Amino acid sequence: MLRTSSPEPHDPAELALGALAWLLGDSLRAQRFLDLTGLTPDALRTSIAECPTQAAVLDFLSAHEPDLEGAADALGIMPEQLAGARRRLPC
């Protein structure tokens, strides 16, 4: 996908949700996310609209550069934009 380096920031919650969709597309990556965050699938489903869960998604991706780059590529943005979204979340 073509990456953009738009000066306009994307909505951080929207980026977190898009990144989560990418993350869950791989069962091993999804399991690693659940294991490292302590979330269960049910807890993830009920809390995805909450800022701390969205922050956990962005923190997880930022902690592993290949995941950050993969998610950013899937979202069509630069990895720096995805990592920077965490700072813009209101929590």
N, C-alpha and C. Protein backbone atom coordinates (compact mmCIF):
# COMPACT_ATOMS: atom_id res chain seq x y z
N MET A 1 0.84 -1.17 0.00
CA MET A 1 0.00 0.00 0.00
C MET A 1 0.89 1.23 0.00
N LEU A 2 0.46 2.29 -0.65
CA LEU A 2 1.19 3.53 -0.71
C LEU A 2 1.11 4.23 0.63
N ARG A 3 2.26 4.57 1.17
CA ARG A 3 2.31 5.28 2.45
C ARG A 3 2.26 6.77 2.21
N THR A 4 1.52 7.46 3.06
CA THR A 4 1.46 8.91 2.97
C THR A 4 2.15 9.51 4.18
N SER A 5 2.69 10.67 3.99
CA SER A 5 3.29 11.38 5.12
C SER A 5 2.56 12.71 5.29
N SER A 6 1.26 12.62 5.27
CA SER A 6 0.40 13.78 5.39
C SER A 6 0.72 14.54 6.68
N PRO A 7 0.81 15.88 6.60
CA PRO A 7 1.07 16.64 7.81
C PRO A 7 -0.12 16.63 8.75
N GLU A 8 -1.30 16.32 8.23
CA GLU A 8 -2.48 16.26 9.09
C GLU A 8 -2.47 14.96 9.88
N PRO A 9 -2.58 15.07 11.21
CA PRO A 9 -2.60 13.83 12.00
C PRO A 9 -3.91 13.07 11.79
N HIS A 10 -3.77 11.77 11.73
CA HIS A 10 -4.95 10.92 11.65
C HIS A 10 -5.53 10.78 13.05
N ASP A 11 -6.79 10.47 13.14
CA ASP A 11 -7.42 10.26 14.44
C ASP A 11 -6.75 9.07 15.12
N PRO A 12 -6.19 9.26 16.32
CA PRO A 12 -5.46 8.16 16.96
C PRO A 12 -6.33 6.96 17.30
N ALA A 13 -7.57 7.18 17.67
CA ALA A 13 -8.46 6.05 17.97
C ALA A 13 -8.75 5.26 16.71
N GLU A 14 -8.94 5.96 15.61
CA GLU A 14 -9.19 5.29 14.33
C GLU A 14 -7.97 4.48 13.89
N LEU A 15 -6.78 5.05 14.09
CA LEU A 15 -5.56 4.32 13.77
C LEU A 15 -5.41 3.07 14.63
N ALA A 16 -5.72 3.21 15.92
CA ALA A 16 -5.62 2.06 16.82
C ALA A 16 -6.57 0.95 16.39
N LEU A 17 -7.77 1.30 15.99
CA LEU A 17 -8.73 0.29 15.54
C LEU A 17 -8.27 -0.36 14.24
N GLY A 18 -7.77 0.41 13.32
CA GLY A 18 -7.26 -0.15 12.07
C GLY A 18 -6.06 -1.04 12.32
N ALA A 19 -5.19 -0.61 13.23
CA ALA A 19 -4.02 -1.40 13.57
C ALA A 19 -4.43 -2.70 14.26
N LEU A 20 -5.46 -2.64 15.09
CA LEU A 20 -5.94 -3.85 15.74
C LEU A 20 -6.48 -4.84 14.71
N ALA A 21 -7.19 -4.34 13.74
CA ALA A 21 -7.70 -5.23 12.69
C ALA A 21 -6.55 -5.93 11.98
N TRP A 22 -5.48 -5.17 11.68
CA TRP A 22 -4.31 -5.78 11.05
C TRP A 22 -3.68 -6.80 11.99
N LEU A 23 -3.52 -6.43 13.24
CA LEU A 23 -2.90 -7.29 14.25
C LEU A 23 -3.64 -8.62 14.37
N LEU A 24 -4.96 -8.56 14.39
CA LEU A 24 -5.77 -9.76 14.58
C LEU A 24 -5.82 -10.64 13.32
N GLY A 25 -5.31 -10.13 12.23
CA GLY A 25 -5.28 -10.90 10.98
C GLY A 25 -4.27 -12.04 11.00
N ASP A 26 -3.41 -12.07 11.98
CA ASP A 26 -2.41 -13.13 12.12
C ASP A 26 -2.60 -13.76 13.49
N SER A 27 -2.92 -15.05 13.53
CA SER A 27 -3.27 -15.69 14.81
C SER A 27 -2.11 -15.70 15.80
N LEU A 28 -0.88 -15.89 15.33
CA LEU A 28 0.26 -15.87 16.26
C LEU A 28 0.49 -14.49 16.83
N ARG A 29 0.39 -13.48 16.00
CA ARG A 29 0.55 -12.10 16.47
C ARG A 29 -0.58 -11.75 17.43
N ALA A 30 -1.79 -12.14 17.10
CA ALA A 30 -2.93 -11.86 17.98
C ALA A 30 -2.75 -12.53 19.34
N GLN A 31 -2.28 -13.77 19.33
CA GLN A 31 -2.07 -14.46 20.61
C GLN A 31 -0.97 -13.79 21.42
N ARG A 32 0.08 -13.35 20.75
CA ARG A 32 1.17 -12.64 21.44
C ARG A 32 0.64 -11.35 22.07
N PHE A 33 -0.22 -10.64 21.34
CA PHE A 33 -0.82 -9.42 21.86
C PHE A 33 -1.64 -9.73 23.11
N LEU A 34 -2.49 -10.74 23.04
CA LEU A 34 -3.31 -11.10 24.20
C LEU A 34 -2.44 -11.53 25.37
N ASP A 35 -1.43 -12.32 25.10
CA ASP A 35 -0.54 -12.78 26.17
C ASP A 35 0.19 -11.62 26.84
N LEU A 36 0.70 -10.70 26.05
CA LEU A 36 1.48 -9.60 26.61
C LEU A 36 0.63 -8.55 27.30
N THR A 37 -0.59 -8.37 26.85
CA THR A 37 -1.45 -7.36 27.47
C THR A 37 -2.30 -7.93 28.60
N GLY A 38 -2.45 -9.24 28.63
CA GLY A 38 -3.31 -9.84 29.65
C GLY A 38 -4.78 -9.77 29.31
N LEU A 39 -5.09 -9.27 28.12
CA LEU A 39 -6.49 -9.20 27.70
C LEU A 39 -6.97 -10.58 27.25
N THR A 40 -8.23 -10.82 27.44
CA THR A 40 -8.86 -12.00 26.88
C THR A 40 -9.64 -11.55 25.65
N PRO A 41 -10.01 -12.48 24.77
CA PRO A 41 -10.83 -12.06 23.62
C PRO A 41 -12.11 -11.34 24.04
N ASP A 42 -12.77 -11.82 25.08
CA ASP A 42 -14.00 -11.16 25.54
C ASP A 42 -13.72 -9.76 26.07
N ALA A 43 -12.64 -9.62 26.85
CA ALA A 43 -12.29 -8.29 27.38
C ALA A 43 -11.93 -7.34 26.25
N LEU A 44 -11.24 -7.84 25.25
CA LEU A 44 -10.88 -7.02 24.10
C LEU A 44 -12.13 -6.53 23.38
N ARG A 45 -13.08 -7.44 23.17
CA ARG A 45 -14.33 -7.07 22.48
C ARG A 45 -15.09 -5.98 23.24
N THR A 46 -15.12 -6.07 24.55
CA THR A 46 -15.92 -5.12 25.32
C THR A 46 -15.19 -3.81 25.61
N SER A 47 -13.87 -3.79 25.43
CA SER A 47 -13.13 -2.58 25.80
C SER A 47 -12.45 -1.87 24.63
N ILE A 48 -12.67 -2.32 23.41
CA ILE A 48 -11.93 -1.76 22.29
C ILE A 48 -12.22 -0.27 22.08
N ALA A 49 -13.37 0.21 22.48
CA ALA A 49 -13.68 1.63 22.33
C ALA A 49 -13.05 2.47 23.43
N GLU A 50 -12.43 1.82 24.40
CA GLU A 50 -11.83 2.54 25.53
C GLU A 50 -10.38 2.90 25.24
N CYS A 51 -10.01 4.08 25.68
CA CYS A 51 -8.67 4.61 25.41
C CYS A 51 -7.55 3.69 25.91
N PRO A 52 -7.62 3.12 27.11
CA PRO A 52 -6.51 2.26 27.55
C PRO A 52 -6.28 1.04 26.64
N THR A 53 -7.33 0.49 26.08
CA THR A 53 -7.18 -0.64 25.17
C THR A 53 -6.56 -0.19 23.86
N GLN A 54 -7.00 0.94 23.36
CA GLN A 54 -6.41 1.47 22.13
C GLN A 54 -4.93 1.79 22.36
N ALA A 55 -4.60 2.32 23.53
CA ALA A 55 -3.19 2.60 23.87
C ALA A 55 -2.39 1.30 23.91
N ALA A 56 -2.99 0.24 24.43
CA ALA A 56 -2.29 -1.05 24.49
C ALA A 56 -1.98 -1.56 23.09
N VAL A 57 -2.87 -1.35 22.15
CA VAL A 57 -2.63 -1.76 20.76
C VAL A 57 -1.43 -1.00 20.20
N LEU A 58 -1.43 0.31 20.37
CA LEU A 58 -0.35 1.12 19.82
C LEU A 58 0.98 0.86 20.53
N ASP A 59 0.93 0.63 21.84
CA ASP A 59 2.14 0.30 22.59
C ASP A 59 2.72 -1.03 22.13
N PHE A 60 1.85 -2.01 21.92
CA PHE A 60 2.28 -3.32 21.47
C PHE A 60 3.00 -3.21 20.13
N LEU A 61 2.42 -2.47 19.21
CA LEU A 61 3.04 -2.34 17.89
C LEU A 61 4.35 -1.57 17.96
N SER A 62 4.39 -0.54 18.77
CA SER A 62 5.59 0.28 18.88
C SER A 62 6.75 -0.46 19.53
N ALA A 63 6.45 -1.50 20.26
CA ALA A 63 7.50 -2.26 20.96
C ALA A 63 8.22 -3.24 20.03
N HIS A 64 7.68 -3.45 18.83
CA HIS A 64 8.29 -4.43 17.91
C HIS A 64 8.26 -3.82 16.51
N GLU A 65 9.39 -3.33 16.05
CA GLU A 65 9.45 -2.58 14.79
C GLU A 65 8.84 -3.30 13.59
N PRO A 66 9.07 -4.61 13.42
CA PRO A 66 8.43 -5.27 12.27
C PRO A 66 6.89 -5.18 12.31
N ASP A 67 6.32 -5.29 13.50
CA ASP A 67 4.86 -5.15 13.62
C ASP A 67 4.43 -3.72 13.33
N LEU A 68 5.17 -2.76 13.87
CA LEU A 68 4.85 -1.36 13.63
C LEU A 68 4.89 -1.05 12.13
N GLU A 69 5.93 -1.52 11.46
CA GLU A 69 6.04 -1.27 10.02
C GLU A 69 4.95 -1.98 9.24
N GLY A 70 4.63 -3.21 9.63
CA GLY A 70 3.58 -3.95 8.93
C GLY A 70 2.22 -3.29 9.07
N ALA A 71 1.90 -2.87 10.28
CA ALA A 71 0.61 -2.22 10.51
C ALA A 71 0.55 -0.88 9.78
N ALA A 72 1.63 -0.12 9.85
CA ALA A 72 1.65 1.17 9.16
C ALA A 72 1.48 0.98 7.66
N ASP A 73 2.16 -0.01 7.11
CA ASP A 73 2.04 -0.28 5.68
C ASP A 73 0.59 -0.65 5.33
N ALA A 74 -0.02 -1.47 6.15
CA ALA A 74 -1.42 -1.87 5.89
C ALA A 74 -2.37 -0.68 5.97
N LEU A 75 -2.03 0.29 6.81
CA LEU A 75 -2.88 1.48 6.97
C LEU A 75 -2.51 2.60 5.99
N GLY A 76 -1.41 2.40 5.26
CA GLY A 76 -1.01 3.40 4.29
C GLY A 76 -0.40 4.65 4.89
N ILE A 77 0.24 4.50 6.05
CA ILE A 77 0.87 5.64 6.71
C ILE A 77 2.31 5.28 7.05
N MET A 78 3.06 6.27 7.49
CA MET A 78 4.42 6.04 7.92
C MET A 78 4.42 5.47 9.33
N PRO A 79 5.37 4.60 9.66
CA PRO A 79 5.44 4.05 11.02
C PRO A 79 5.48 5.12 12.10
N GLU A 80 6.15 6.22 11.81
CA GLU A 80 6.24 7.31 12.78
C GLU A 80 4.87 7.89 13.11
N GLN A 81 4.00 7.92 12.13
CA GLN A 81 2.65 8.43 12.36
C GLN A 81 1.87 7.48 13.27
N LEU A 82 2.05 6.19 13.07
CA LEU A 82 1.34 5.23 13.91
C LEU A 82 1.89 5.27 15.33
N ALA A 83 3.19 5.31 15.48
CA ALA A 83 3.79 5.40 16.81
C ALA A 83 3.39 6.70 17.50
N GLY A 84 3.33 7.78 16.76
CA GLY A 84 2.96 9.08 17.32
C GLY A 84 1.50 9.17 17.74
N ALA A 85 0.67 8.30 17.20
CA ALA A 85 -0.75 8.31 17.57
C ALA A 85 -0.94 8.04 19.05
N ARG A 86 -0.03 7.25 19.63
CA ARG A 86 -0.14 6.92 21.06
C ARG A 86 -0.09 8.20 21.91
N ARG A 87 0.78 9.12 21.56
CA ARG A 87 0.91 10.37 22.34
C ARG A 87 -0.33 11.24 22.21
N ARG A 88 -1.10 11.05 21.16
CA ARG A 88 -2.27 11.88 20.95
C ARG A 88 -3.55 11.31 21.53
N LEU A 89 -3.48 10.08 22.05
CA LEU A 89 -4.67 9.51 22.70
C LEU A 89 -4.92 10.28 24.00
N PRO A 90 -6.16 10.51 24.35
CA PRO A 90 -6.46 11.32 25.55
C PRO A 90 -6.35 10.56 26.88
N CYS A 91 -5.61 9.48 26.92
CA CYS A 91 -5.49 8.76 28.19
C CYS A 91 -4.02 8.61 28.59
